[in-house]
Amino acid sequence: MQTGSPPLPPSDATDLRWHVAHTKPRCEKKFAALLTAEGFAHELPLGKVQRRYGVRIRVHTKPIFPGYVFIQVPETARARCYQQNLIVRLIPVSDEKTFLTQLEAVRRIVASGLETAVRPLFPKGQLVQVVSGPLRGMQGVVDDPNRPGGVIIMIDALQQGLLVKIPAVDLRLM
């Protein structure tokens, strides 16, 4: 995990606040380097990925959460984050205590070296829209979050629905 400086605990005495920086595609490491140069605390969880190129195997480090860097900046310095045109937006963290607990869990998982995969959280009964593929534009309800990709396309007039296996990457919460 790449860290620009030791994370600081939330403090009411200063105006430091945690944010989730939504970066432009493939700009996470550049943005983290900028934060290091500026002296802002940040977290960029990185995982190792093996790629095979013919007979050669290369190991790369990639962000576990593509497109996101967790940063702690003073409210007065938020505008500074946009100056290099590497981020799309800053999302403020509303519950810093819970966030820091979850961030510590991510640190421990990364340090363990265990294989990880990011999965979207789609609770049972959540209304979703299909954003790509042959069913693009259709709406449905998540059947069972334990079986990712199971979406029920409803036919209200019959009080029935069709269970369709759709990859989670093709779905968007409504």
N, C-alpha and C. Protein backbone atom coordinates (compact mmCIF):
# COMPACT_ATOMS: atom_id res chain seq x y z
N MET A 1 0.84 -1.16 0.00
CA MET A 1 0.00 0.00 0.00
C MET A 1 0.89 1.22 0.00
N GLN A 2 0.55 2.16 -0.82
CA GLN A 2 1.35 3.36 -0.93
C GLN A 2 0.77 4.40 0.02
N THR A 3 1.62 4.98 0.82
CA THR A 3 1.19 5.99 1.77
C THR A 3 2.14 7.16 1.69
N GLY A 4 1.58 8.37 1.54
CA GLY A 4 2.40 9.56 1.42
C GLY A 4 2.97 9.96 2.76
N SER A 5 2.20 9.84 3.80
CA SER A 5 2.65 10.15 5.15
C SER A 5 1.78 9.35 6.09
N PRO A 6 2.20 9.20 7.34
CA PRO A 6 1.38 8.41 8.25
C PRO A 6 -0.01 9.02 8.36
N PRO A 7 -1.07 8.18 8.30
CA PRO A 7 -2.41 8.72 8.38
C PRO A 7 -2.63 9.41 9.72
N LEU A 8 -3.28 10.52 9.66
CA LEU A 8 -3.57 11.27 10.87
C LEU A 8 -4.97 10.93 11.36
N PRO A 9 -5.18 10.85 12.66
CA PRO A 9 -6.52 10.58 13.15
C PRO A 9 -7.42 11.79 12.89
N PRO A 10 -8.76 11.55 12.81
CA PRO A 10 -9.64 12.70 12.60
C PRO A 10 -9.53 13.65 13.79
N SER A 11 -9.54 14.92 13.51
CA SER A 11 -9.36 15.89 14.58
C SER A 11 -10.32 17.04 14.39
N ASP A 12 -11.02 17.40 15.44
CA ASP A 12 -11.92 18.54 15.37
C ASP A 12 -11.15 19.85 15.54
N ALA A 13 -9.91 19.78 16.04
CA ALA A 13 -9.12 20.97 16.28
C ALA A 13 -8.61 21.58 14.97
N THR A 14 -8.48 20.77 13.94
CA THR A 14 -8.03 21.26 12.64
C THR A 14 -9.13 21.04 11.63
N ASP A 15 -8.92 21.54 10.44
CA ASP A 15 -9.93 21.35 9.40
C ASP A 15 -9.59 20.19 8.47
N LEU A 16 -8.72 19.27 8.92
CA LEU A 16 -8.38 18.10 8.11
C LEU A 16 -9.59 17.18 8.00
N ARG A 17 -9.92 16.78 6.78
CA ARG A 17 -11.04 15.89 6.54
C ARG A 17 -10.63 14.83 5.52
N TRP A 18 -11.15 13.63 5.69
CA TRP A 18 -10.91 12.56 4.74
C TRP A 18 -11.88 12.70 3.57
N HIS A 19 -11.36 12.42 2.39
CA HIS A 19 -12.15 12.44 1.16
C HIS A 19 -11.76 11.22 0.32
N VAL A 20 -12.66 10.84 -0.55
CA VAL A 20 -12.35 9.84 -1.56
C VAL A 20 -12.18 10.60 -2.86
N ALA A 21 -10.98 10.55 -3.41
CA ALA A 21 -10.70 11.24 -4.66
C ALA A 21 -10.99 10.29 -5.82
N HIS A 22 -11.95 10.68 -6.65
CA HIS A 22 -12.28 9.90 -7.85
C HIS A 22 -11.36 10.42 -8.96
N THR A 23 -10.39 9.59 -9.35
CA THR A 23 -9.39 10.04 -10.31
C THR A 23 -9.83 9.77 -11.74
N LYS A 24 -9.15 10.40 -12.65
CA LYS A 24 -9.34 10.08 -14.06
C LYS A 24 -8.74 8.69 -14.30
N PRO A 25 -9.12 8.01 -15.38
CA PRO A 25 -8.61 6.65 -15.61
C PRO A 25 -7.09 6.58 -15.61
N ARG A 26 -6.57 5.61 -14.89
CA ARG A 26 -5.14 5.29 -14.81
C ARG A 26 -4.29 6.44 -14.25
N CYS A 27 -4.87 7.26 -13.39
CA CYS A 27 -4.14 8.39 -12.82
C CYS A 27 -3.93 8.24 -11.31
N GLU A 28 -4.26 7.09 -10.74
CA GLU A 28 -4.19 6.92 -9.29
C GLU A 28 -2.77 7.13 -8.76
N LYS A 29 -1.78 6.49 -9.37
CA LYS A 29 -0.41 6.58 -8.89
C LYS A 29 0.16 7.98 -9.10
N LYS A 30 -0.18 8.64 -10.20
CA LYS A 30 0.28 10.00 -10.45
C LYS A 30 -0.29 10.94 -9.39
N PHE A 31 -1.57 10.76 -9.08
CA PHE A 31 -2.20 11.61 -8.08
C PHE A 31 -1.59 11.36 -6.70
N ALA A 32 -1.32 10.09 -6.37
CA ALA A 32 -0.68 9.77 -5.09
C ALA A 32 0.71 10.40 -5.00
N ALA A 33 1.44 10.40 -6.10
CA ALA A 33 2.77 11.03 -6.11
C ALA A 33 2.65 12.54 -5.89
N LEU A 34 1.64 13.16 -6.47
CA LEU A 34 1.40 14.58 -6.27
C LEU A 34 1.08 14.86 -4.80
N LEU A 35 0.26 14.01 -4.19
CA LEU A 35 -0.09 14.18 -2.78
C LEU A 35 1.14 14.05 -1.88
N THR A 36 2.02 13.11 -2.23
CA THR A 36 3.26 12.95 -1.48
C THR A 36 4.10 14.22 -1.57
N ALA A 37 4.22 14.77 -2.77
CA ALA A 37 5.00 15.99 -2.96
C ALA A 37 4.40 17.17 -2.19
N GLU A 38 3.07 17.20 -2.10
CA GLU A 38 2.39 18.29 -1.38
C GLU A 38 2.36 18.06 0.13
N GLY A 39 2.67 16.82 0.57
CA GLY A 39 2.68 16.52 2.00
C GLY A 39 1.33 16.18 2.58
N PHE A 40 0.37 15.79 1.74
CA PHE A 40 -0.96 15.40 2.22
C PHE A 40 -0.99 13.91 2.54
N ALA A 41 -1.63 13.55 3.65
CA ALA A 41 -1.80 12.14 4.00
C ALA A 41 -2.75 11.50 2.99
N HIS A 42 -2.41 10.29 2.55
CA HIS A 42 -3.26 9.59 1.59
C HIS A 42 -3.02 8.09 1.67
N GLU A 43 -3.95 7.35 1.13
CA GLU A 43 -3.83 5.89 1.03
C GLU A 43 -4.20 5.48 -0.39
N LEU A 44 -3.36 4.67 -0.98
CA LEU A 44 -3.62 4.06 -2.28
C LEU A 44 -3.35 2.58 -2.14
N PRO A 45 -4.37 1.79 -1.78
CA PRO A 45 -4.16 0.35 -1.63
C PRO A 45 -3.78 -0.28 -2.98
N LEU A 46 -2.65 -0.98 -2.99
CA LEU A 46 -2.15 -1.61 -4.21
C LEU A 46 -2.08 -3.12 -4.02
N GLY A 47 -2.40 -3.85 -5.07
CA GLY A 47 -2.29 -5.30 -5.07
C GLY A 47 -1.41 -5.75 -6.22
N LYS A 48 -0.89 -6.95 -6.11
CA LYS A 48 -0.03 -7.49 -7.17
C LYS A 48 -0.86 -8.32 -8.15
N VAL A 49 -0.56 -8.13 -9.43
CA VAL A 49 -1.25 -8.85 -10.50
C VAL A 49 -0.19 -9.48 -11.39
N GLN A 50 -0.35 -10.76 -11.67
CA GLN A 50 0.57 -11.45 -12.57
C GLN A 50 -0.03 -11.48 -13.97
N ARG A 51 0.78 -11.13 -14.94
CA ARG A 51 0.38 -11.18 -16.35
C ARG A 51 1.40 -12.04 -17.09
N ARG A 52 0.89 -12.85 -17.98
CA ARG A 52 1.75 -13.71 -18.79
C ARG A 52 1.85 -13.11 -20.18
N TYR A 53 3.08 -12.91 -20.63
CA TYR A 53 3.37 -12.41 -21.97
C TYR A 53 4.20 -13.49 -22.67
N GLY A 54 3.52 -14.37 -23.37
CA GLY A 54 4.21 -15.51 -23.97
C GLY A 54 4.69 -16.44 -22.87
N VAL A 55 6.01 -16.62 -22.77
CA VAL A 55 6.56 -17.48 -21.72
C VAL A 55 6.98 -16.68 -20.49
N ARG A 56 7.00 -15.34 -20.63
CA ARG A 56 7.42 -14.50 -19.50
C ARG A 56 6.23 -14.15 -18.61
N ILE A 57 6.51 -14.09 -17.33
CA ILE A 57 5.49 -13.68 -16.37
C ILE A 57 5.97 -12.38 -15.72
N ARG A 58 5.12 -11.38 -15.77
CA ARG A 58 5.44 -10.08 -15.17
C ARG A 58 4.49 -9.84 -14.00
N VAL A 59 5.01 -9.24 -12.95
CA VAL A 59 4.19 -8.88 -11.80
C VAL A 59 4.06 -7.36 -11.78
N HIS A 60 2.82 -6.89 -11.74
CA HIS A 60 2.53 -5.46 -11.71
C HIS A 60 1.80 -5.14 -10.42
N THR A 61 1.94 -3.92 -9.96
CA THR A 61 1.12 -3.46 -8.85
C THR A 61 0.03 -2.56 -9.42
N LYS A 62 -1.20 -2.86 -9.03
CA LYS A 62 -2.34 -2.10 -9.52
C LYS A 62 -3.20 -1.69 -8.34
N PRO A 63 -3.90 -0.57 -8.47
CA PRO A 63 -4.80 -0.16 -7.40
C PRO A 63 -5.89 -1.20 -7.16
N ILE A 64 -6.17 -1.48 -5.89
CA ILE A 64 -7.24 -2.42 -5.56
C ILE A 64 -8.59 -1.81 -5.91
N PHE A 65 -8.72 -0.51 -5.70
CA PHE A 65 -9.94 0.21 -6.05
C PHE A 65 -9.62 1.13 -7.22
N PRO A 66 -9.70 0.64 -8.46
CA PRO A 66 -9.34 1.47 -9.61
C PRO A 66 -10.15 2.76 -9.64
N GLY A 67 -9.44 3.85 -9.83
CA GLY A 67 -10.09 5.14 -9.94
C GLY A 67 -10.27 5.89 -8.63
N TYR A 68 -9.74 5.35 -7.52
CA TYR A 68 -9.95 6.00 -6.23
C TYR A 68 -8.69 6.06 -5.39
N VAL A 69 -8.49 7.19 -4.72
CA VAL A 69 -7.40 7.39 -3.75
C VAL A 69 -8.06 8.03 -2.54
N PHE A 70 -7.71 7.57 -1.35
CA PHE A 70 -8.25 8.12 -0.12
C PHE A 70 -7.28 9.18 0.39
N ILE A 71 -7.79 10.40 0.61
CA ILE A 71 -6.90 11.49 0.99
C ILE A 71 -7.43 12.23 2.20
N GLN A 72 -6.50 12.83 2.94
CA GLN A 72 -6.85 13.68 4.07
C GLN A 72 -6.23 15.04 3.82
N VAL A 73 -7.08 16.03 3.56
CA VAL A 73 -6.61 17.37 3.26
C VAL A 73 -7.41 18.39 4.05
N PRO A 74 -6.81 19.54 4.32
CA PRO A 74 -7.58 20.63 4.94
C PRO A 74 -8.63 21.14 3.95
N GLU A 75 -9.75 21.56 4.46
CA GLU A 75 -10.82 22.09 3.59
C GLU A 75 -10.31 23.24 2.74
N THR A 76 -9.38 24.01 3.29
CA THR A 76 -8.85 25.16 2.56
C THR A 76 -7.94 24.76 1.39
N ALA A 77 -7.50 23.50 1.37
CA ALA A 77 -6.58 23.05 0.31
C ALA A 77 -7.25 22.13 -0.70
N ARG A 78 -8.56 21.99 -0.62
CA ARG A 78 -9.26 21.10 -1.57
C ARG A 78 -9.03 21.51 -3.02
N ALA A 79 -9.05 22.79 -3.28
CA ALA A 79 -8.87 23.28 -4.65
C ALA A 79 -7.51 22.88 -5.20
N ARG A 80 -6.51 22.78 -4.33
CA ARG A 80 -5.15 22.40 -4.76
C ARG A 80 -5.14 21.02 -5.39
N CYS A 81 -6.03 20.12 -4.95
CA CYS A 81 -6.08 18.75 -5.48
C CYS A 81 -6.47 18.72 -6.96
N TYR A 82 -7.19 19.74 -7.41
CA TYR A 82 -7.67 19.77 -8.79
C TYR A 82 -6.67 20.40 -9.76
N GLN A 83 -5.59 20.97 -9.27
CA GLN A 83 -4.70 21.76 -10.12
C GLN A 83 -3.97 20.96 -11.19
N GLN A 84 -3.70 19.71 -10.97
CA GLN A 84 -2.98 18.91 -11.98
C GLN A 84 -3.92 18.18 -12.92
N ASN A 85 -5.22 18.40 -12.78
CA ASN A 85 -6.22 17.80 -13.67
C ASN A 85 -6.16 16.27 -13.67
N LEU A 86 -5.95 15.69 -12.50
CA LEU A 86 -5.87 14.23 -12.37
C LEU A 86 -7.13 13.63 -11.73
N ILE A 87 -7.95 14.46 -11.12
CA ILE A 87 -9.14 13.93 -10.46
C ILE A 87 -10.41 14.50 -11.07
N VAL A 88 -11.48 13.74 -10.91
CA VAL A 88 -12.79 14.15 -11.41
C VAL A 88 -13.54 14.90 -10.31
N ARG A 89 -13.49 14.33 -9.08
CA ARG A 89 -14.21 14.95 -7.97
C ARG A 89 -13.66 14.44 -6.65
N LEU A 90 -13.94 15.18 -5.60
CA LEU A 90 -13.63 14.77 -4.24
C LEU A 90 -14.94 14.46 -3.54
N ILE A 91 -15.02 13.28 -2.96
CA ILE A 91 -16.22 12.86 -2.25
C ILE A 91 -15.91 12.90 -0.76
N PRO A 92 -16.58 13.77 0.00
CA PRO A 92 -16.28 13.84 1.44
C PRO A 92 -16.75 12.58 2.16
N VAL A 93 -15.97 12.17 3.16
CA VAL A 93 -16.34 11.01 3.98
C VAL A 93 -17.19 11.54 5.13
N SER A 94 -18.42 11.04 5.24
CA SER A 94 -19.33 11.57 6.26
C SER A 94 -19.06 10.98 7.64
N ASP A 95 -18.72 9.69 7.73
CA ASP A 95 -18.49 9.04 9.01
C ASP A 95 -17.02 8.60 9.06
N GLU A 96 -16.14 9.50 9.54
CA GLU A 96 -14.71 9.23 9.52
C GLU A 96 -14.31 8.05 10.41
N LYS A 97 -14.98 7.87 11.52
CA LYS A 97 -14.64 6.78 12.43
C LYS A 97 -14.84 5.43 11.74
N THR A 98 -15.98 5.23 11.10
CA THR A 98 -16.25 3.99 10.37
C THR A 98 -15.29 3.85 9.21
N PHE A 99 -15.06 4.94 8.49
CA PHE A 99 -14.15 4.92 7.35
C PHE A 99 -12.76 4.47 7.77
N LEU A 100 -12.23 5.03 8.86
CA LEU A 100 -10.88 4.68 9.31
C LEU A 100 -10.81 3.22 9.75
N THR A 101 -11.88 2.70 10.34
CA THR A 101 -11.93 1.28 10.70
C THR A 101 -11.88 0.41 9.44
N GLN A 102 -12.65 0.79 8.42
CA GLN A 102 -12.65 0.04 7.17
C GLN A 102 -11.32 0.17 6.44
N LEU A 103 -10.71 1.34 6.50
CA LEU A 103 -9.42 1.54 5.86
C LEU A 103 -8.34 0.68 6.53
N GLU A 104 -8.41 0.55 7.84
CA GLU A 104 -7.48 -0.33 8.56
C GLU A 104 -7.68 -1.78 8.14
N ALA A 105 -8.94 -2.19 7.93
CA ALA A 105 -9.21 -3.55 7.45
C ALA A 105 -8.59 -3.77 6.07
N VAL A 106 -8.69 -2.78 5.20
CA VAL A 106 -8.08 -2.87 3.87
C VAL A 106 -6.57 -3.01 4.00
N ARG A 107 -5.96 -2.21 4.87
CA ARG A 107 -4.51 -2.31 5.09
C ARG A 107 -4.11 -3.72 5.52
N ARG A 108 -4.85 -4.30 6.45
CA ARG A 108 -4.53 -5.63 6.94
C ARG A 108 -4.71 -6.69 5.84
N ILE A 109 -5.73 -6.54 5.02
CA ILE A 109 -5.96 -7.49 3.93
C ILE A 109 -4.81 -7.41 2.93
N VAL A 110 -4.41 -6.19 2.56
CA VAL A 110 -3.30 -6.01 1.62
C VAL A 110 -2.02 -6.59 2.20
N ALA A 111 -1.76 -6.32 3.48
CA ALA A 111 -0.54 -6.82 4.13
C ALA A 111 -0.53 -8.34 4.23
N SER A 112 -1.70 -8.97 4.27
CA SER A 112 -1.76 -10.43 4.38
C SER A 112 -1.26 -11.13 3.13
N GLY A 113 -1.32 -10.46 1.99
CA GLY A 113 -0.88 -11.07 0.74
C GLY A 113 -1.92 -12.00 0.12
N LEU A 114 -3.07 -12.11 0.73
CA LEU A 114 -4.13 -12.97 0.18
C LEU A 114 -4.71 -12.35 -1.08
N GLU A 115 -5.18 -13.21 -1.96
CA GLU A 115 -5.79 -12.74 -3.20
C GLU A 115 -7.11 -12.05 -2.90
N THR A 116 -7.34 -10.91 -3.53
CA THR A 116 -8.56 -10.15 -3.30
C THR A 116 -9.26 -9.86 -4.62
N ALA A 117 -10.54 -9.57 -4.53
CA ALA A 117 -11.31 -9.14 -5.69
C ALA A 117 -12.38 -8.18 -5.19
N VAL A 118 -12.57 -7.09 -5.90
CA VAL A 118 -13.57 -6.10 -5.52
C VAL A 118 -14.89 -6.51 -6.14
N ARG A 119 -15.94 -6.48 -5.33
CA ARG A 119 -17.28 -6.81 -5.78
C ARG A 119 -18.23 -5.69 -5.37
N PRO A 120 -19.13 -5.31 -6.24
CA PRO A 120 -20.11 -4.29 -5.85
C PRO A 120 -21.10 -4.87 -4.85
N LEU A 121 -21.61 -4.00 -3.98
CA LEU A 121 -22.61 -4.44 -3.01
C LEU A 121 -23.99 -4.14 -3.57
N PHE A 122 -24.69 -5.18 -3.94
CA PHE A 122 -26.06 -5.05 -4.41
C PHE A 122 -26.97 -5.79 -3.43
N PRO A 123 -27.64 -5.08 -2.54
CA PRO A 123 -28.51 -5.77 -1.58
C PRO A 123 -29.74 -6.38 -2.24
N LYS A 124 -30.24 -7.44 -1.64
CA LYS A 124 -31.43 -8.12 -2.17
C LYS A 124 -32.58 -7.12 -2.25
N GLY A 125 -33.25 -7.13 -3.39
CA GLY A 125 -34.39 -6.25 -3.59
C GLY A 125 -34.02 -4.88 -4.14
N GLN A 126 -32.73 -4.60 -4.32
CA GLN A 126 -32.28 -3.31 -4.83
C GLN A 126 -32.63 -3.17 -6.31
N LEU A 127 -33.19 -2.04 -6.67
CA LEU A 127 -33.51 -1.75 -8.06
C LEU A 127 -32.23 -1.39 -8.80
N VAL A 128 -31.98 -2.04 -9.93
CA VAL A 128 -30.78 -1.79 -10.73
C VAL A 128 -31.18 -1.59 -12.19
N GLN A 129 -30.27 -0.96 -12.93
CA GLN A 129 -30.46 -0.79 -14.36
C GLN A 129 -29.30 -1.45 -15.08
N VAL A 130 -29.61 -2.12 -16.18
CA VAL A 130 -28.58 -2.75 -17.00
C VAL A 130 -27.98 -1.66 -17.88
N VAL A 131 -26.65 -1.47 -17.78
CA VAL A 131 -26.00 -0.36 -18.49
C VAL A 131 -25.24 -0.80 -19.74
N SER A 132 -25.09 -2.11 -19.94
CA SER A 132 -24.43 -2.57 -21.17
C SER A 132 -24.90 -3.98 -21.48
N GLY A 133 -24.61 -4.41 -22.68
CA GLY A 133 -25.02 -5.73 -23.11
C GLY A 133 -26.36 -5.70 -23.83
N PRO A 134 -26.88 -6.88 -24.21
CA PRO A 134 -28.11 -6.93 -24.99
C PRO A 134 -29.36 -6.45 -24.24
N LEU A 135 -29.30 -6.39 -22.92
CA LEU A 135 -30.46 -5.94 -22.13
C LEU A 135 -30.31 -4.50 -21.66
N ARG A 136 -29.40 -3.77 -22.27
CA ARG A 136 -29.13 -2.38 -21.86
C ARG A 136 -30.43 -1.57 -21.78
N GLY A 137 -30.53 -0.81 -20.68
CA GLY A 137 -31.70 0.04 -20.47
C GLY A 137 -32.80 -0.61 -19.65
N MET A 138 -32.79 -1.93 -19.52
CA MET A 138 -33.82 -2.61 -18.74
C MET A 138 -33.56 -2.41 -17.25
N GLN A 139 -34.64 -2.49 -16.47
CA GLN A 139 -34.53 -2.39 -15.03
C GLN A 139 -34.95 -3.71 -14.41
N GLY A 140 -34.34 -3.99 -13.27
CA GLY A 140 -34.67 -5.22 -12.57
C GLY A 140 -34.38 -5.08 -11.09
N VAL A 141 -34.57 -6.18 -10.38
CA VAL A 141 -34.36 -6.22 -8.94
C VAL A 141 -33.34 -7.31 -8.65
N VAL A 142 -32.39 -7.03 -7.76
CA VAL A 142 -31.39 -8.01 -7.39
C VAL A 142 -32.07 -9.16 -6.66
N ASP A 143 -31.83 -10.38 -7.13
CA ASP A 143 -32.46 -11.55 -6.54
C ASP A 143 -31.77 -11.98 -5.26
N ASP A 144 -30.46 -12.22 -5.35
CA ASP A 144 -29.73 -12.75 -4.20
C ASP A 144 -28.30 -12.26 -4.28
N PRO A 145 -27.87 -11.44 -3.31
CA PRO A 145 -26.50 -10.94 -3.37
C PRO A 145 -25.44 -12.03 -3.23
N ASN A 146 -25.83 -13.21 -2.75
CA ASN A 146 -24.87 -14.31 -2.66
C ASN A 146 -24.61 -14.95 -4.02
N ARG A 147 -25.46 -14.65 -4.98
CA ARG A 147 -25.25 -15.11 -6.36
C ARG A 147 -25.15 -13.87 -7.24
N PRO A 148 -23.99 -13.23 -7.27
CA PRO A 148 -23.88 -12.00 -8.06
C PRO A 148 -24.29 -12.24 -9.51
N GLY A 149 -24.99 -11.30 -10.06
CA GLY A 149 -25.41 -11.42 -11.45
C GLY A 149 -26.82 -11.90 -11.61
N GLY A 150 -27.48 -12.30 -10.52
CA GLY A 150 -28.87 -12.73 -10.62
C GLY A 150 -29.79 -11.54 -10.47
N VAL A 151 -30.45 -11.15 -11.57
CA VAL A 151 -31.36 -10.02 -11.55
C VAL A 151 -32.71 -10.49 -12.07
N ILE A 152 -33.76 -10.05 -11.39
CA ILE A 152 -35.11 -10.39 -11.83
C ILE A 152 -35.65 -9.23 -12.65
N ILE A 153 -36.00 -9.52 -13.90
CA ILE A 153 -36.67 -8.55 -14.75
C ILE A 153 -38.16 -8.78 -14.53
N MET A 154 -38.84 -7.76 -14.02
CA MET A 154 -40.24 -7.93 -13.59
C MET A 154 -41.22 -7.70 -14.72
N ILE A 155 -42.28 -8.48 -14.68
CA ILE A 155 -43.43 -8.30 -15.56
C ILE A 155 -44.62 -8.13 -14.62
N ASP A 156 -44.92 -6.87 -14.29
CA ASP A 156 -45.92 -6.57 -13.27
C ASP A 156 -47.30 -7.12 -13.59
N ALA A 157 -47.70 -7.08 -14.86
CA ALA A 157 -49.05 -7.51 -15.22
C ALA A 157 -49.27 -8.97 -14.87
N LEU A 158 -48.23 -9.79 -14.91
CA LEU A 158 -48.36 -11.21 -14.59
C LEU A 158 -47.99 -11.52 -13.14
N GLN A 159 -47.49 -10.51 -12.42
CA GLN A 159 -46.97 -10.71 -11.07
C GLN A 159 -45.90 -11.79 -11.06
N GLN A 160 -45.06 -11.76 -12.09
CA GLN A 160 -43.96 -12.70 -12.23
C GLN A 160 -42.74 -11.96 -12.75
N GLY A 161 -41.65 -12.66 -12.78
CA GLY A 161 -40.43 -12.07 -13.29
C GLY A 161 -39.53 -13.13 -13.86
N LEU A 162 -38.57 -12.72 -14.63
CA LEU A 162 -37.58 -13.62 -15.21
C LEU A 162 -36.25 -13.41 -14.51
N LEU A 163 -35.65 -14.48 -14.03
CA LEU A 163 -34.33 -14.39 -13.41
C LEU A 163 -33.29 -14.49 -14.52
N VAL A 164 -32.47 -13.45 -14.65
CA VAL A 164 -31.46 -13.39 -15.70
C VAL A 164 -30.11 -13.24 -15.04
N LYS A 165 -29.14 -14.00 -15.49
CA LYS A 165 -27.76 -13.88 -14.99
C LYS A 165 -27.08 -12.77 -15.79
N ILE A 166 -26.78 -11.69 -15.10
CA ILE A 166 -26.13 -10.53 -15.72
C ILE A 166 -24.89 -10.22 -14.90
N PRO A 167 -23.73 -10.06 -15.53
CA PRO A 167 -22.52 -9.71 -14.78
C PRO A 167 -22.71 -8.41 -14.00
N ALA A 168 -22.17 -8.36 -12.80
CA ALA A 168 -22.34 -7.18 -11.94
C ALA A 168 -21.78 -5.92 -12.58
N VAL A 169 -20.76 -6.04 -13.43
CA VAL A 169 -20.18 -4.84 -14.07
C VAL A 169 -21.15 -4.20 -15.05
N ASP A 170 -22.17 -4.94 -15.47
CA ASP A 170 -23.17 -4.42 -16.39
C ASP A 170 -24.35 -3.77 -15.68
N LEU A 171 -24.29 -3.68 -14.33
CA LEU A 171 -25.40 -3.15 -13.56
C LEU A 171 -25.03 -1.84 -12.89
N ARG A 172 -26.04 -1.00 -12.68
CA ARG A 172 -25.87 0.26 -11.97
C ARG A 172 -27.03 0.40 -10.99
N LEU A 173 -26.72 0.80 -9.75
CA LEU A 173 -27.76 1.03 -8.76
C LEU A 173 -28.65 2.18 -9.18
N MET A 174 -29.91 2.08 -8.87
CA MET A 174 -30.85 3.17 -9.20
C MET A 174 -31.25 3.89 -7.95
